[in-house]
Amino acid sequence: MIRMEPGELVLGGQAVIEGVMMKGPERFSVAVRKASGEIRVKDFPIVSGRARRALSKMPLLRGVVTMAAMLVIGYRALQYSADEAIEDAEAAERKEKGEPLAEEKKEKKGGNTLAMAGALALALFLGITLFFWLPLLATRGIAALVPELSGRMAFNLVDGVLRVAAFVGYILAISAMKDIRRIFQYHGAEHKVVNAYEKKADLAPEAVKAYSSLHPRCGTSFLLFVMAISIVVFSMIPHDSSLAVKAGMRLLLLPAIAGISYEALRLTARKADSPFFRTIIAPGLLLQRLTTREPDLSQIEVAIASFRRVIPDGETEAGLAE
């Protein structure tokens, strides 16, 4: 979920391995469910320099800054949850072999940092390839077969449709995996807690479960904005450019697209009660039905545990910051 500026909607987060990360104005917190049933929570401070605070107030630029910050925070949250999952897996292996359960060795935690960084770098590369470069190649091939689609607007429209189709197909493919389905459940739990908080409801698992697992500020909706806005932005690239130039320009234009998409997400989230903006939000909410699943009470409990740690000082847990 994308976090807005203080004074608007201050809290959001993301699902991680067997847990949830929640981000507040001063810190973010990761809560994970251990194999023993224990909920383990760790807080991380958010350090914001003067330059970043200044950029965060500038339209368009603040979107790029926020996205960069969320990538870093998301990586740290995912790494922590992976460390905890590896610890559980090692403990289960020792138990299966009949070996004594050694005390936790803190120095081993984070030992998978290089592997995690490599995996995320590979995922980023594959994401750009699958959702931006391959559709360009496919559209070029289609335009060669159907000359009517070779015009600038028609070309970019087909390209955009292929990007959305690739994204939806990817989500459908990974949702068949058991581990991903559990992450999608924690994603739903995160949304339910934030929705309950914004309605000033009691943050008890049974009460939170009644709320929606969809939210207009979700990163899934942001990605849909990225794909829609990229159709317009990519149309500004000279149509007679070579395939290599087009691919390179697309990469360079991604920060601009992220900035515009962030502003669009801010606006639609603030105007969610308007019929016009509800229409704009609807496709993103529909797509969230693929990236969220109904969580059980134990998963909601984990999301609440993380959420309680980031509520701004001076607030009640059911109050929304002004």
Foldseek 3Di string as FASTA:
>chain_A
DAADDPVPFFKAWAFEQQWIWMDGPFWIKIWHQAPVRDIDMDIDTDDDDPVLVVLCVDFLSVLLSRVVVNVVVVLVNRLVSVLRVVLRVVQVVCVVVVHDRDDDDVVCRCVCVVVSVVVVVVVVVVLCCQQPQVLLVVLVVVCVVPVVCLDLLSSLVSSLVSNVVSVLVVLVVCCVDPSQQVSQALLLLRQLLSVQLVVLHDLALVGSLPGGSFALLDVLLLVNQLSVVLSVVLSPPPSPDDSVVSSVVSVVCSSSSSSVSNVLSVVLRVVVVDPVSVVVSVVSRVSSVSSHDRHDSSSNVSSVVRLVVRDDPPDDSNHGRD
